[in-house]
Every structure is written in C-alpha cells, then in structure tokens.
C-alpha atoms as a PDB file:
ATOM      1  CA  UNK A   1      11.278  15.225  -3.542  1.00  0.00           C
ATOM      2  CA  UNK A   2      13.886  13.872  -5.906  1.00  0.00           C
ATOM      3  CA  UNK A   3      14.916  14.789  -9.448  1.00  0.00           C
ATOM      4  CA  UNK A   4      15.050  11.685 -11.668  1.00  0.00           C
ATOM      5  CA  UNK A   5      17.866  11.144 -14.185  1.00  0.00           C
ATOM      6  CA  UNK A   6      16.632  11.341 -17.762  1.00  0.00           C
ATOM      7  CA  UNK A   7      13.305  12.871 -16.713  1.00  0.00           C
ATOM      8  CA  UNK A   8      12.120  16.443 -16.321  1.00  0.00           C
ATOM      9  CA  UNK A   9       9.524  15.275 -13.788  1.00  0.00           C
ATOM     10  CA  UNK A  10      10.356  15.402 -10.051  1.00  0.00           C
ATOM     11  CA  UNK A  11       9.172  12.560  -7.787  1.00  0.00           C
ATOM     12  CA  UNK A  12       7.878  12.727  -4.239  1.00  0.00           C
ATOM     13  CA  UNK A  13       7.963   9.757  -1.871  1.00  0.00           C
ATOM     14  CA  UNK A  14       5.582   9.114   1.035  1.00  0.00           C
ATOM     15  CA  UNK A  15       5.098   6.374   3.611  1.00  0.00           C
ATOM     16  CA  UNK A  16       2.221   5.454   5.900  1.00  0.00           C
ATOM     17  CA  UNK A  17       2.219   7.281   9.241  1.00  0.00           C
ATOM     18  CA  UNK A  18       1.826   3.986  11.134  1.00  0.00           C
ATOM     19  CA  UNK A  19       5.428   3.007  12.056  1.00  0.00           C
ATOM     20  CA  UNK A  20       4.824  -0.734  11.539  1.00  0.00           C
ATOM     21  CA  UNK A  21       3.093  -0.338   8.149  1.00  0.00           C
ATOM     22  CA  UNK A  22       5.124  -1.078   4.986  1.00  0.00           C
ATOM     23  CA  UNK A  23       3.000   0.972   2.536  1.00  0.00           C
ATOM     24  CA  UNK A  24       4.786   3.558   0.384  1.00  0.00           C
ATOM     25  CA  UNK A  25       3.547   5.947  -2.300  1.00  0.00           C
ATOM     26  CA  UNK A  26       5.497   7.540  -5.154  1.00  0.00           C
ATOM     27  CA  UNK A  27       4.095  10.584  -6.999  1.00  0.00           C
ATOM     28  CA  UNK A  28       5.585  11.929 -10.225  1.00  0.00           C
ATOM     29  CA  UNK A  29       4.635  15.419 -11.416  1.00  0.00           C
ATOM     30  CA  UNK A  30       5.164  17.335 -14.625  1.00  0.00           C
ATOM     31  CA  UNK A  31       7.034  20.640 -14.661  1.00  0.00           C
ATOM     32  CA  UNK A  32       3.747  22.569 -14.366  1.00  0.00           C
ATOM     33  CA  UNK A  33       2.773  20.620 -11.229  1.00  0.00           C
ATOM     34  CA  UNK A  34       0.249  18.207 -12.745  1.00  0.00           C
ATOM     35  CA  UNK A  35       0.356  14.652 -11.359  1.00  0.00           C
ATOM     36  CA  UNK A  36       1.530  12.285 -14.104  1.00  0.00           C
ATOM     37  CA  UNK A  37       1.829   9.036 -12.132  1.00  0.00           C
ATOM     38  CA  UNK A  38       0.974   7.644  -8.671  1.00  0.00           C
ATOM     39  CA  UNK A  39       2.364   4.266  -7.575  1.00  0.00           C
ATOM     40  CA  UNK A  40       1.396   2.493  -4.340  1.00  0.00           C
ATOM     41  CA  UNK A  41       3.534  -0.341  -2.977  1.00  0.00           C
ATOM     42  CA  UNK A  42       2.457  -2.748  -0.221  1.00  0.00           C
ATOM     43  CA  UNK A  43      -0.700  -3.271   1.810  1.00  0.00           C
ATOM     44  CA  UNK A  44      -1.733  -1.595   5.047  1.00  0.00           C
ATOM     45  CA  UNK A  45      -1.461  -3.987   8.012  1.00  0.00           C
ATOM     46  CA  UNK A  46      -3.721  -1.950  10.325  1.00  0.00           C
ATOM     47  CA  UNK A  47      -7.217  -0.495  10.538  1.00  0.00           C
ATOM     48  CA  UNK A  48      -7.844   2.948   8.998  1.00  0.00           C
ATOM     49  CA  UNK A  49      -7.412   5.828  11.475  1.00  0.00           C
ATOM     50  CA  UNK A  50     -10.501   7.042  13.331  1.00  0.00           C
ATOM     51  CA  UNK A  51     -12.047  10.239  11.937  1.00  0.00           C
ATOM     52  CA  UNK A  52     -12.280  13.027  14.494  1.00  0.00           C
END
C-alpha cells in the first residue's frame, strides 16, 4: 500500500502470481475503505489456474 501525493486515498498494488505473467492491478480506496478505482495493466500470458 502506498500513500499518493495530493490524494487522501491510499493505493494498493498487485501482480499476477504466475512469475512470467506481466499483469498488474492497482486499487485506490477512499478513507472509509470503499474502492474508488481499479486499474488493470497487461494481459495474462497463461491459462487460468485449475480450480481445486
């Protein structure tokens, strides 16, 4: 999680669990915890994981 200059909303950054996959996700939340923005970057280069 990272506090953004000029914004009261913290951001969280995520990446795909597949080491060779370039996909990243950025989530911005308001002070009360509500999601205000979700940004995906890239495309998965692998099949979805098998459900167990």
